[in-house]
PDB file of N, CA and C in Angstrom:
ATOM      1  N   UNK A   1      43.435 177.963 126.813  1.00  0.00           N
ATOM      2  CA  UNK A   1      43.186 178.782 125.640  1.00  0.00           C
ATOM      3  C   UNK A   1      44.282 178.560 124.599  1.00  0.00           C
ATOM      4  N   UNK A   2      43.891 178.592 123.331  1.00  0.00           N
ATOM      5  CA  UNK A   2      44.821 178.422 122.226  1.00  0.00           C
ATOM      6  C   UNK A   2      45.130 179.787 121.623  1.00  0.00           C
ATOM      7  N   UNK A   3      46.397 180.057 121.433  1.00  0.00           N
ATOM      8  CA  UNK A   3      46.815 181.316 120.834  1.00  0.00           C
ATOM      9  C   UNK A   3      47.155 181.093 119.362  1.00  0.00           C
ATOM     10  N   UNK A   4      46.723 182.023 118.533  1.00  0.00           N
ATOM     11  CA  UNK A   4      46.988 181.950 117.095  1.00  0.00           C
ATOM     12  C   UNK A   4      48.467 182.260 116.838  1.00  0.00           C
ATOM     13  N   UNK A   5      49.126 181.411 116.073  1.00  0.00           N
ATOM     14  CA  UNK A   5      50.534 181.629 115.740  1.00  0.00           C
ATOM     15  C   UNK A   5      50.694 182.748 114.721  1.00  0.00           C
ATOM     16  N   UNK A   6      49.634 183.064 114.018  1.00  0.00           N
ATOM     17  CA  UNK A   6      49.686 184.083 112.971  1.00  0.00           C
ATOM     18  C   UNK A   6      49.500 185.494 113.545  1.00  0.00           C
ATOM     19  N   UNK A   7      48.435 185.676 114.370  1.00  0.00           N
ATOM     20  CA  UNK A   7      48.135 187.019 114.865  1.00  0.00           C
ATOM     21  C   UNK A   7      48.215 187.139 116.387  1.00  0.00           C
ATOM     22  N   UNK A   8      48.304 186.033 117.120  1.00  0.00           N
ATOM     23  CA  UNK A   8      48.421 186.070 118.570  1.00  0.00           C
ATOM     24  C   UNK A   8      47.105 186.135 119.314  1.00  0.00           C
ATOM     25  N   UNK A   9      45.993 186.118 118.617  1.00  0.00           N
ATOM     26  CA  UNK A   9      44.670 186.201 119.252  1.00  0.00           C
ATOM     27  C   UNK A   9      44.414 184.972 120.115  1.00  0.00           C
ATOM     28  N   UNK A  10      43.769 185.196 121.260  1.00  0.00           N
ATOM     29  CA  UNK A  10      43.429 184.106 122.174  1.00  0.00           C
ATOM     30  C   UNK A  10      42.102 183.495 121.730  1.00  0.00           C
ATOM     31  N   UNK A  11      42.061 182.157 121.580  1.00  0.00           N
ATOM     32  CA  UNK A  11      40.884 181.441 121.102  1.00  0.00           C
ATOM     33  C   UNK A  11      40.537 180.324 122.083  1.00  0.00           C
ATOM     34  N   UNK A  12      39.275 179.846 122.050  1.00  0.00           N
ATOM     35  CA  UNK A  12      38.911 178.702 122.896  1.00  0.00           C
ATOM     36  C   UNK A  12      39.738 177.469 122.530  1.00  0.00           C
ATOM     37  N   UNK A  13      39.931 176.542 123.488  1.00  0.00           N
ATOM     38  CA  UNK A  13      40.743 175.344 123.260  1.00  0.00           C
ATOM     39  C   UNK A  13      40.205 174.461 122.137  1.00  0.00           C
ATOM     40  N   UNK A  14      38.897 174.429 121.949  1.00  0.00           N
ATOM     41  CA  UNK A  14      38.312 173.549 120.934  1.00  0.00           C
ATOM     42  C   UNK A  14      38.248 174.190 119.547  1.00  0.00           C
ATOM     43  N   UNK A  15      38.739 175.421 119.418  1.00  0.00           N
ATOM     44  CA  UNK A  15      38.710 176.102 118.119  1.00  0.00           C
ATOM     45  C   UNK A  15      39.734 175.498 117.174  1.00  0.00           C
ATOM     46  N   UNK A  16      39.354 175.365 115.915  1.00  0.00           N
ATOM     47  CA  UNK A  16      40.253 174.850 114.890  1.00  0.00           C
ATOM     48  C   UNK A  16      40.935 175.996 114.163  1.00  0.00           C
ATOM     49  N   UNK A  17      40.188 177.093 113.980  1.00  0.00           N
ATOM     50  CA  UNK A  17      40.707 178.262 113.282  1.00  0.00           C
ATOM     51  C   UNK A  17      40.594 179.484 114.187  1.00  0.00           C
ATOM     52  N   UNK A  18      41.461 180.452 113.964  1.00  0.00           N
ATOM     53  CA  UNK A  18      41.473 181.680 114.758  1.00  0.00           C
ATOM     54  C   UNK A  18      40.198 182.479 114.506  1.00  0.00           C
ATOM     55  N   UNK A  19      39.591 182.960 115.595  1.00  0.00           N
ATOM     56  CA  UNK A  19      38.378 183.772 115.477  1.00  0.00           C
ATOM     57  C   UNK A  19      38.676 185.152 114.915  1.00  0.00           C
ATOM     58  N   UNK A  20      39.926 185.609 114.994  1.00  0.00           N
ATOM     59  CA  UNK A  20      40.277 186.940 114.522  1.00  0.00           C
ATOM     60  C   UNK A  20      40.728 186.947 113.057  1.00  0.00           C
ATOM     61  N   UNK A  21      41.686 186.073 112.723  1.00  0.00           N
ATOM     62  CA  UNK A  21      42.260 186.126 111.366  1.00  0.00           C
ATOM     63  C   UNK A  21      41.890 184.926 110.491  1.00  0.00           C
ATOM     64  N   UNK A  22      41.337 183.867 111.097  1.00  0.00           N
ATOM     65  CA  UNK A  22      40.938 182.689 110.329  1.00  0.00           C
ATOM     66  C   UNK A  22      42.054 181.689 110.076  1.00  0.00           C
ATOM     67  N   UNK A  23      43.241 181.962 110.609  1.00  0.00           N
ATOM     68  CA  UNK A  23      44.376 181.057 110.421  1.00  0.00           C
ATOM     69  C   UNK A  23      44.200 179.759 111.198  1.00  0.00           C
ATOM     70  N   UNK A  24      44.835 178.692 110.749  1.00  0.00           N
ATOM     71  CA  UNK A  24      44.720 177.415 111.467  1.00  0.00           C
ATOM     72  C   UNK A  24      45.428 177.497 112.815  1.00  0.00           C
ATOM     73  N   UNK A  25      44.804 176.919 113.836  1.00  0.00           N
ATOM     74  CA  UNK A  25      45.388 176.951 115.178  1.00  0.00           C
ATOM     75  C   UNK A  25      46.264 175.747 115.453  1.00  0.00           C
ATOM     76  N   UNK A  26      45.961 174.643 114.852  1.00  0.00           N
ATOM     77  CA  UNK A  26      46.700 173.409 115.106  1.00  0.00           C
ATOM     78  C   UNK A  26      47.279 172.893 113.796  1.00  0.00           C
ATOM     79  N   UNK A  27      48.254 173.597 113.286  1.00  0.00           N
ATOM     80  CA  UNK A  27      48.872 173.208 112.015  1.00  0.00           C
ATOM     81  C   UNK A  27      49.693 171.940 112.207  1.00  0.00           C
ATOM     82  N   UNK A  28      49.779 171.150 111.139  1.00  0.00           N
ATOM     83  CA  UNK A  28      50.613 169.953 111.180  1.00  0.00           C
ATOM     84  C   UNK A  28      52.074 170.346 111.277  1.00  0.00           C
ATOM     85  N   UNK A  29      52.837 169.515 111.965  1.00  0.00           N
ATOM     86  CA  UNK A  29      54.267 169.727 112.089  1.00  0.00           C
ATOM     87  C   UNK A  29      54.915 169.524 110.720  1.00  0.00           C
ATOM     88  N   UNK A  30      55.812 170.415 110.364  1.00  0.00           N
ATOM     89  CA  UNK A  30      56.504 170.303 109.084  1.00  0.00           C
ATOM     90  C   UNK A  30      57.360 169.037 109.065  1.00  0.00           C
ATOM     91  N   UNK A  31      57.345 168.361 107.933  1.00  0.00           N
ATOM     92  CA  UNK A  31      58.128 167.136 107.783  1.00  0.00           C
ATOM     93  C   UNK A  31      59.449 167.495 107.121  1.00  0.00           C
ATOM     94  N   UNK A  32      60.568 167.079 107.752  1.00  0.00           N
ATOM     95  CA  UNK A  32      61.880 167.409 107.204  1.00  0.00           C
ATOM     96  C   UNK A  32      62.822 166.222 107.343  1.00  0.00           C
ATOM     97  N   UNK A  33      63.981 166.335 106.729  1.00  0.00           N
ATOM     98  CA  UNK A  33      65.052 165.353 106.874  1.00  0.00           C
ATOM     99  C   UNK A  33      64.657 163.942 106.502  1.00  0.00           C
ATOM    100  N   UNK A  34      65.019 162.994 107.374  1.00  0.00           N
ATOM    101  CA  UNK A  34      64.760 161.580 107.107  1.00  0.00           C
ATOM    102  C   UNK A  34      63.266 161.292 107.040  1.00  0.00           C
ATOM    103  N   UNK A  35      62.480 162.022 107.861  1.00  0.00           N
ATOM    104  CA  UNK A  35      61.027 161.827 107.818  1.00  0.00           C
ATOM    105  C   UNK A  35      60.474 162.207 106.451  1.00  0.00           C
ATOM    106  N   UNK A  36      61.031 163.279 105.852  1.00  0.00           N
ATOM    107  CA  UNK A  36      60.591 163.713 104.525  1.00  0.00           C
ATOM    108  C   UNK A  36      60.928 162.640 103.490  1.00  0.00           C
ATOM    109  N   UNK A  37      62.138 162.090 103.558  1.00  0.00           N
ATOM    110  CA  UNK A  37      62.539 161.042 102.622  1.00  0.00           C
ATOM    111  C   UNK A  37      61.606 159.837 102.736  1.00  0.00           C
ATOM    112  N   UNK A  38      61.293 159.450 103.959  1.00  0.00           N
ATOM    113  CA  UNK A  38      60.414 158.297 104.191  1.00  0.00           C
ATOM    114  C   UNK A  38      59.010 158.575 103.653  1.00  0.00           C
ATOM    115  N   UNK A  39      58.483 159.793 103.938  1.00  0.00           N
ATOM    116  CA  UNK A  39      57.148 160.143 103.465  1.00  0.00           C
ATOM    117  C   UNK A  39      57.119 160.191 101.947  1.00  0.00           C
ATOM    118  N   UNK A  40      58.139 160.770 101.346  1.00  0.00           N
ATOM    119  CA  UNK A  40      58.193 160.865  99.884  1.00  0.00           C
ATOM    120  C   UNK A  40      58.304 159.479  99.263  1.00  0.00           C
ATOM    121  N   UNK A  41      59.093 158.600  99.895  1.00  0.00           N
ATOM    122  CA  UNK A  41      59.233 157.235  99.390  1.00  0.00           C
ATOM    123  C   UNK A  41      57.880 156.529  99.373  1.00  0.00           C
ATOM    124  N   UNK A  42      57.046 156.806 100.361  1.00  0.00           N
ATOM    125  CA  UNK A  42      55.750 156.148 100.462  1.00  0.00           C
ATOM    126  C   UNK A  42      54.668 156.823  99.633  1.00  0.00           C
ATOM    127  N   UNK A  43      54.768 158.154  99.411  1.00  0.00           N
ATOM    128  CA  UNK A  43      53.662 158.884  98.815  1.00  0.00           C
ATOM    129  C   UNK A  43      53.937 159.497  97.448  1.00  0.00           C
ATOM    130  N   UNK A  44      55.184 159.825  97.153  1.00  0.00           N
ATOM    131  CA  UNK A  44      55.486 160.558  95.924  1.00  0.00           C
ATOM    132  C   UNK A  44      55.286 159.691  94.683  1.00  0.00           C
ATOM    133  N   UNK A  45      55.165 160.343  93.550  1.00  0.00           N
ATOM    134  CA  UNK A  45      54.912 159.639  92.297  1.00  0.00           C
ATOM    135  C   UNK A  45      56.034 158.685  91.924  1.00  0.00           C
ATOM    136  N   UNK A  46      57.252 158.957  92.339  1.00  0.00           N
ATOM    137  CA  UNK A  46      58.369 158.090  92.022  1.00  0.00           C
ATOM    138  C   UNK A  46      58.341 156.761  92.712  1.00  0.00           C
ATOM    139  N   UNK A  47      57.576 156.649  93.767  1.00  0.00           N
ATOM    140  CA  UNK A  47      57.514 155.402  94.505  1.00  0.00           C
ATOM    141  C   UNK A  47      58.776 155.114  95.238  1.00  0.00           C
ATOM    142  N   UNK A  48      58.986 153.868  95.654  1.00  0.00           N
ATOM    143  CA  UNK A  48      60.199 153.512  96.377  1.00  0.00           C
ATOM    144  C   UNK A  48      61.441 153.758  95.531  1.00  0.00           C
ATOM    145  N   UNK A  49      62.567 153.853  96.194  1.00  0.00           N
ATOM    146  CA  UNK A  49      63.817 154.133  95.484  1.00  0.00           C
ATOM    147  C   UNK A  49      64.134 153.072  94.437  1.00  0.00           C
ATOM    148  N   UNK A  50      63.711 151.847  94.689  1.00  0.00           N
ATOM    149  CA  UNK A  50      63.930 150.774  93.727  1.00  0.00           C
ATOM    150  C   UNK A  50      63.177 150.984  92.428  1.00  0.00           C
ATOM    151  N   UNK A  51      62.112 151.773  92.476  1.00  0.00           N
ATOM    152  CA  UNK A  51      61.324 152.030  91.276  1.00  0.00           C
ATOM    153  C   UNK A  51      62.144 152.772  90.233  1.00  0.00           C
ATOM    154  N   UNK A  52      63.021 153.667  90.669  1.00  0.00           N
ATOM    155  CA  UNK A  52      63.833 154.403  89.701  1.00  0.00           C
ATOM    156  C   UNK A  52      64.786 153.464  88.971  1.00  0.00           C
ATOM    157  N   UNK A  53      65.296 152.448  89.675  1.00  0.00           N
ATOM    158  CA  UNK A  53      66.156 151.455  89.032  1.00  0.00           C
ATOM    159  C   UNK A  53      65.339 150.658  88.018  1.00  0.00           C
ATOM    160  N   UNK A  54      64.145 150.227  88.431  1.00  0.00           N
ATOM    161  CA  UNK A  54      63.274 149.463  87.547  1.00  0.00           C
ATOM    162  C   UNK A  54      62.982 150.253  86.266  1.00  0.00           C
ATOM    163  N   UNK A  55      62.561 151.517  86.408  1.00  0.00           N
ATOM    164  CA  UNK A  55      62.226 152.309  85.235  1.00  0.00           C
ATOM    165  C   UNK A  55      63.474 152.658  84.420  1.00  0.00           C
ATOM    166  N   UNK A  56      64.622 152.759  85.077  1.00  0.00           N
ATOM    167  CA  UNK A  56      65.866 152.974  84.345  1.00  0.00           C
ATOM    168  C   UNK A  56      66.178 151.796  83.435  1.00  0.00           C
ATOM    169  N   UNK A  57      65.949 150.580  83.947  1.00  0.00           N
ATOM    170  CA  UNK A  57      66.154 149.377  83.134  1.00  0.00           C
ATOM    171  C   UNK A  57      65.198 149.369  81.947  1.00  0.00           C
ATOM    172  N   UNK A  58      63.953 149.697  82.192  1.00  0.00           N
ATOM    173  CA  UNK A  58      62.945 149.696  81.115  1.00  0.00           C
ATOM    174  C   UNK A  58      63.322 150.694  80.027  1.00  0.00           C
ATOM    175  N   UNK A  59      63.669 151.911  80.419  1.00  0.00           N
ATOM    176  CA  UNK A  59      64.021 152.940  79.434  1.00  0.00           C
ATOM    177  C   UNK A  59      65.268 152.534  78.654  1.00  0.00           C
ATOM    178  N   UNK A  60      66.253 151.962  79.331  1.00  0.00           N
ATOM    179  CA  UNK A  60      67.470 151.498  78.655  1.00  0.00           C
ATOM    180  C   UNK A  60      67.139 150.414  77.643  1.00  0.00           C
ATOM    181  N   UNK A  61      66.289 149.469  78.035  1.00  0.00           N
ATOM    182  CA  UNK A  61      65.899 148.402  77.105  1.00  0.00           C
ATOM    183  C   UNK A  61      65.165 148.947  75.887  1.00  0.00           C
ATOM    184  N   UNK A  62      64.319 149.912  76.098  1.00  0.00           N
ATOM    185  CA  UNK A  62      63.614 150.521  74.961  1.00  0.00           C
ATOM    186  C   UNK A  62      64.621 151.164  74.021  1.00  0.00           C
ATOM    187  N   UNK A  63      65.609 151.876  74.580  1.00  0.00           N
ATOM    188  CA  UNK A  63      66.636 152.506  73.752  1.00  0.00           C
ATOM    189  C   UNK A  63      67.455 151.490  72.974  1.00  0.00           C
ATOM    190  N   UNK A  64      67.867 150.409  73.646  1.00  0.00           N
ATOM    191  CA  UNK A  64      68.641 149.360  72.975  1.00  0.00           C
ATOM    192  C   UNK A  64      67.802 148.695  71.892  1.00  0.00           C
ATOM    193  N   UNK A  65      66.532 148.450  72.173  1.00  0.00           N
ATOM    194  CA  UNK A  65      65.641 147.822  71.188  1.00  0.00           C
ATOM    195  C   UNK A  65      65.505 148.682  69.940  1.00  0.00           C
ATOM    196  N   UNK A  66      65.341 149.972  70.150  1.00  0.00           N
ATOM    197  CA  UNK A  66      65.218 150.881  68.998  1.00  0.00           C
ATOM    198  C   UNK A  66      66.522 150.908  68.203  1.00  0.00           C
ATOM    199  N   UNK A  67      67.660 150.910  68.900  1.00  0.00           N
ATOM    200  CA  UNK A  67      68.949 150.917  68.207  1.00  0.00           C
ATOM    201  C   UNK A  67      69.131 149.647  67.382  1.00  0.00           C
ATOM    202  N   UNK A  68      68.801 148.482  67.945  1.00  0.00           N
ATOM    203  CA  UNK A  68      68.941 147.217  67.212  1.00  0.00           C
ATOM    204  C   UNK A  68      67.986 147.185  66.029  1.00  0.00           C
ATOM    205  N   UNK A  69      66.758 147.636  66.228  1.00  0.00           N
ATOM    206  CA  UNK A  69      65.789 147.689  65.132  1.00  0.00           C
ATOM    207  C   UNK A  69      66.313 148.578  64.001  1.00  0.00           C
ATOM    208  N   UNK A  70      66.861 149.744  64.370  1.00  0.00           N
ATOM    209  CA  UNK A  70      67.383 150.671  63.356  1.00  0.00           C
ATOM    210  C   UNK A  70      68.551 150.040  62.591  1.00  0.00           C
ATOM    211  N   UNK A  71      69.430 149.321  63.299  1.00  0.00           N
ATOM    212  CA  UNK A  71      70.553 148.651  62.635  1.00  0.00           C
ATOM    213  C   UNK A  71      70.052 147.578  61.681  1.00  0.00           C
ATOM    214  N   UNK A  72      69.037 146.819  62.096  1.00  0.00           N
ATOM    215  CA  UNK A  72      68.505 145.754  61.234  1.00  0.00           C
ATOM    216  C   UNK A  72      67.840 146.326  59.988  1.00  0.00           C
ATOM    217  N   UNK A  73      67.240 147.486  60.119  1.00  0.00           N
ATOM    218  CA  UNK A  73      66.567 148.114  58.979  1.00  0.00           C
ATOM    219  C   UNK A  73      67.540 148.808  58.030  1.00  0.00           C
ATOM    220  N   UNK A  74      68.745 149.059  58.506  1.00  0.00           N
ATOM    221  CA  UNK A  74      69.727 149.749  57.668  1.00  0.00           C
ATOM    222  C   UNK A  74      70.349 148.760  56.670  1.00  0.00           C
ATOM    223  N   UNK A  75      71.132 149.300  55.773  1.00  0.00           N
ATOM    224  CA  UNK A  75      71.792 148.454  54.776  1.00  0.00           C
ATOM    225  C   UNK A  75      73.186 148.016  55.229  1.00  0.00           C
ATOM    226  N   UNK A  76      73.505 148.223  56.486  1.00  0.00           N
ATOM    227  CA  UNK A  76      74.813 147.837  57.027  1.00  0.00           C
ATOM    228  C   UNK A  76      74.860 146.321  57.169  1.00  0.00           C
ATOM    229  N   UNK A  77      76.006 145.727  56.795  1.00  0.00           N
ATOM    230  CA  UNK A  77      76.189 144.296  57.006  1.00  0.00           C
ATOM    231  C   UNK A  77      76.426 144.046  58.489  1.00  0.00           C
ATOM    232  N   UNK A  78      75.532 143.262  59.075  1.00  0.00           N
ATOM    233  CA  UNK A  78      75.617 142.963  60.501  1.00  0.00           C
ATOM    234  C   UNK A  78      76.052 141.526  60.699  1.00  0.00           C
ATOM    235  N   UNK A  79      76.680 141.243  61.839  1.00  0.00           N
ATOM    236  CA  UNK A  79      77.013 139.855  62.140  1.00  0.00           C
ATOM    237  C   UNK A  79      75.725 139.024  62.216  1.00  0.00           C
ATOM    238  N   UNK A  80      75.830 137.752  61.893  1.00  0.00           N
ATOM    239  CA  UNK A  80      74.649 136.888  61.859  1.00  0.00           C
ATOM    240  C   UNK A  80      73.941 136.819  63.218  1.00  0.00           C
ATOM    241  N   UNK A  81      74.712 136.806  64.321  1.00  0.00           N
ATOM    242  CA  UNK A  81      74.092 136.718  65.645  1.00  0.00           C
ATOM    243  C   UNK A  81      73.195 137.915  65.926  1.00  0.00           C
ATOM    244  N   UNK A  82      73.591 139.097  65.379  1.00  0.00           N
ATOM    245  CA  UNK A  82      72.770 140.282  65.579  1.00  0.00           C
ATOM    246  C   UNK A  82      71.530 140.232  64.700  1.00  0.00           C
ATOM    247  N   UNK A  83      71.675 139.676  63.505  1.00  0.00           N
ATOM    248  CA  UNK A  83      70.521 139.504  62.625  1.00  0.00           C
ATOM    249  C   UNK A  83      69.492 138.562  63.251  1.00  0.00           C
ATOM    250  N   UNK A  84      69.979 137.515  63.931  1.00  0.00           N
ATOM    251  CA  UNK A  84      69.097 136.503  64.521  1.00  0.00           C
ATOM    252  C   UNK A  84      68.570 136.885  65.904  1.00  0.00           C
ATOM    253  N   UNK A  85      69.073 137.966  66.462  1.00  0.00           N
ATOM    254  CA  UNK A  85      68.712 138.360  67.824  1.00  0.00           C
ATOM    255  C   UNK A  85      67.224 138.684  67.929  1.00  0.00           C
ATOM    256  N   UNK A  86      66.559 138.040  68.879  1.00  0.00           N
ATOM    257  CA  UNK A  86      65.140 138.307  69.138  1.00  0.00           C
ATOM    258  C   UNK A  86      65.041 139.302  70.290  1.00  0.00           C
ATOM    259  N   UNK A  87      64.909 140.580  69.949  1.00  0.00           N
ATOM    260  CA  UNK A  87      64.886 141.637  70.946  1.00  0.00           C
ATOM    261  C   UNK A  87      63.677 141.486  71.871  1.00  0.00           C
ATOM    262  N   UNK A  88      62.561 141.062  71.340  1.00  0.00           N
ATOM    263  CA  UNK A  88      61.351 140.891  72.155  1.00  0.00           C
ATOM    264  C   UNK A  88      61.552 139.888  73.274  1.00  0.00           C
ATOM    265  N   UNK A  89      62.234 138.798  72.967  1.00  0.00           N
ATOM    266  CA  UNK A  89      62.491 137.776  73.982  1.00  0.00           C
ATOM    267  C   UNK A  89      63.386 138.322  75.091  1.00  0.00           C
ATOM    268  N   UNK A  90      64.454 139.001  74.715  1.00  0.00           N
ATOM    269  CA  UNK A  90      65.363 139.583  75.709  1.00  0.00           C
ATOM    270  C   UNK A  90      64.624 140.625  76.543  1.00  0.00           C
ATOM    271  N   UNK A  91      63.855 141.466  75.881  1.00  0.00           N
ATOM    272  CA  UNK A  91      63.079 142.501  76.556  1.00  0.00           C
ATOM    273  C   UNK A  91      62.138 141.867  77.580  1.00  0.00           C
ATOM    274  N   UNK A  92      61.427 140.825  77.178  1.00  0.00           N
ATOM    275  CA  UNK A  92      60.499 140.142  78.079  1.00  0.00           C
ATOM    276  C   UNK A  92      61.186 139.504  79.271  1.00  0.00           C
ATOM    277  N   UNK A  93      62.316 138.860  79.037  1.00  0.00           N
ATOM    278  CA  UNK A  93      63.042 138.206  80.134  1.00  0.00           C
ATOM    279  C   UNK A  93      63.555 139.234  81.135  1.00  0.00           C
ATOM    280  N   UNK A  94      64.115 140.332  80.657  1.00  0.00           N
ATOM    281  CA  UNK A  94      64.650 141.348  81.566  1.00  0.00           C
ATOM    282  C   UNK A  94      63.524 142.025  82.348  1.00  0.00           C
ATOM    283  N   UNK A  95      62.413 142.333  81.701  1.00  0.00           N
ATOM    284  CA  UNK A  95      61.281 142.940  82.412  1.00  0.00           C
ATOM    285  C   UNK A  95      60.744 141.970  83.462  1.00  0.00           C
ATOM    286  N   UNK A  96      60.612 140.704  83.106  1.00  0.00           N
ATOM    287  CA  UNK A  96      60.133 139.708  84.066  1.00  0.00           C
ATOM    288  C   UNK A  96      61.073 139.614  85.260  1.00  0.00           C
ATOM    289  N   UNK A  97      62.374 139.593  85.014  1.00  0.00           N
ATOM    290  CA  UNK A  97      63.346 139.525  86.109  1.00  0.00           C
ATOM    291  C   UNK A  97      63.261 140.766  86.993  1.00  0.00           C
ATOM    292  N   UNK A  98      63.126 141.945  86.372  1.00  0.00           N
ATOM    293  CA  UNK A  98      63.020 143.187  87.147  1.00  0.00           C
ATOM    294  C   UNK A  98      61.751 143.191  87.996  1.00  0.00           C
ATOM    295  N   UNK A  99      60.649 142.713  87.444  1.00  0.00           N
ATOM    296  CA  UNK A  99      59.392 142.636  88.204  1.00  0.00           C
ATOM    297  C   UNK A  99      59.517 141.668  89.375  1.00  0.00           C
ATOM    298  N   UNK A 100      60.157 140.539  89.148  1.00  0.00           N
ATOM    299  CA  UNK A 100      60.339 139.554  90.216  1.00  0.00           C
ATOM    300  C   UNK A 100      61.196 140.133  91.337  1.00  0.00           C
ATOM    301  N   UNK A 101      62.307 140.762  90.984  1.00  0.00           N
ATOM    302  CA  UNK A 101      63.189 141.362  91.998  1.00  0.00           C
ATOM    303  C   UNK A 101      62.458 142.475  92.749  1.00  0.00           C
ATOM    304  N   UNK A 102      61.718 143.321  92.036  1.00  0.00           N
ATOM    305  CA  UNK A 102      60.958 144.391  92.678  1.00  0.00           C
ATOM    306  C   UNK A 102      59.902 143.819  93.618  1.00  0.00           C
ATOM    307  N   UNK A 103      59.191 142.800  93.165  1.00  0.00           N
ATOM    308  CA  UNK A 103      58.177 142.171  94.009  1.00  0.00           C
ATOM    309  C   UNK A 103      58.766 141.569  95.272  1.00  0.00           C
ATOM    310  N   UNK A 104      59.881 140.881  95.136  1.00  0.00           N
ATOM    311  CA  UNK A 104      60.535 140.280  96.303  1.00  0.00           C
ATOM    312  C   UNK A 104      60.994 141.366  97.274  1.00  0.00           C
ATOM    313  N   UNK A 105      61.553 142.456  96.757  1.00  0.00           N
ATOM    314  CA  UNK A 105      62.012 143.528  97.651  1.00  0.00           C
ATOM    315  C   UNK A 105      60.842 144.176  98.367  1.00  0.00           C
ATOM    316  N   UNK A 106      59.693 144.311  97.723  1.00  0.00           N
ATOM    317  CA  UNK A 106      58.508 144.875  98.372  1.00  0.00           C
ATOM    318  C   UNK A 106      58.043 143.938  99.492  1.00  0.00           C
ATOM    319  N   UNK A 107      58.024 142.637  99.211  1.00  0.00           N
ATOM    320  CA  UNK A 107      57.608 141.670 100.237  1.00  0.00           C
ATOM    321  C   UNK A 107      58.557 141.705 101.420  1.00  0.00           C
ATOM    322  N   UNK A 108      59.856 141.775 101.152  1.00  0.00           N
ATOM    323  CA  UNK A 108      60.841 141.788 102.242  1.00  0.00           C
ATOM    324  C   UNK A 108      60.691 143.076 103.070  1.00  0.00           C
ATOM    325  N   UNK A 109      60.499 144.221 102.418  1.00  0.00           N
ATOM    326  CA  UNK A 109      60.321 145.487 103.135  1.00  0.00           C
ATOM    327  C   UNK A 109      59.069 145.442 104.004  1.00  0.00           C
ATOM    328  N   UNK A 110      57.971 144.925 103.459  1.00  0.00           N
ATOM    329  CA  UNK A 110      56.711 144.872 104.216  1.00  0.00           C
ATOM    330  C   UNK A 110      56.815 143.928 105.397  1.00  0.00           C
ATOM    331  N   UNK A 111      57.550 142.835 105.249  1.00  0.00           N
ATOM    332  CA  UNK A 111      57.657 141.884 106.342  1.00  0.00           C
ATOM    333  C   UNK A 111      58.552 142.410 107.456  1.00  0.00           C
ATOM    334  N   UNK A 112      59.486 143.333 107.134  1.00  0.00           N
ATOM    335  CA  UNK A 112      60.355 143.905 108.154  1.00  0.00           C
ATOM    336  C   UNK A 112      59.652 145.000 108.957  1.00  0.00           C
ATOM    337  N   UNK A 113      58.650 145.648 108.342  1.00  0.00           N
ATOM    338  CA  UNK A 113      57.984 146.763 109.040  1.00  0.00           C
ATOM    339  C   UNK A 113      56.760 146.327 109.796  1.00  0.00           C
TER     340      UNK A 113
END
């Protein structure tokens, strides 16, 4: 016989919910500690821990791009190298490198598990 953890009522072994109070009889074990970190890494919106680094790089690049664009649009005399700087090219190369590193780390993690 299965006893309800909520009200203590005795229920048949095949019961899923308590016949007296309706509470679940076989609740899932709470996930804590390292198991919680692992589950969150696999299921949470943030994705793997490396994803935060990837998105940090992207946000930083967007900020730098906006700053360079603002400087170019201003009337401040800038060094010629900054005037000639192609922000799009740098942005593309860094994003491509971050994607490659992220992809390789995903492959390495999957092959180890």
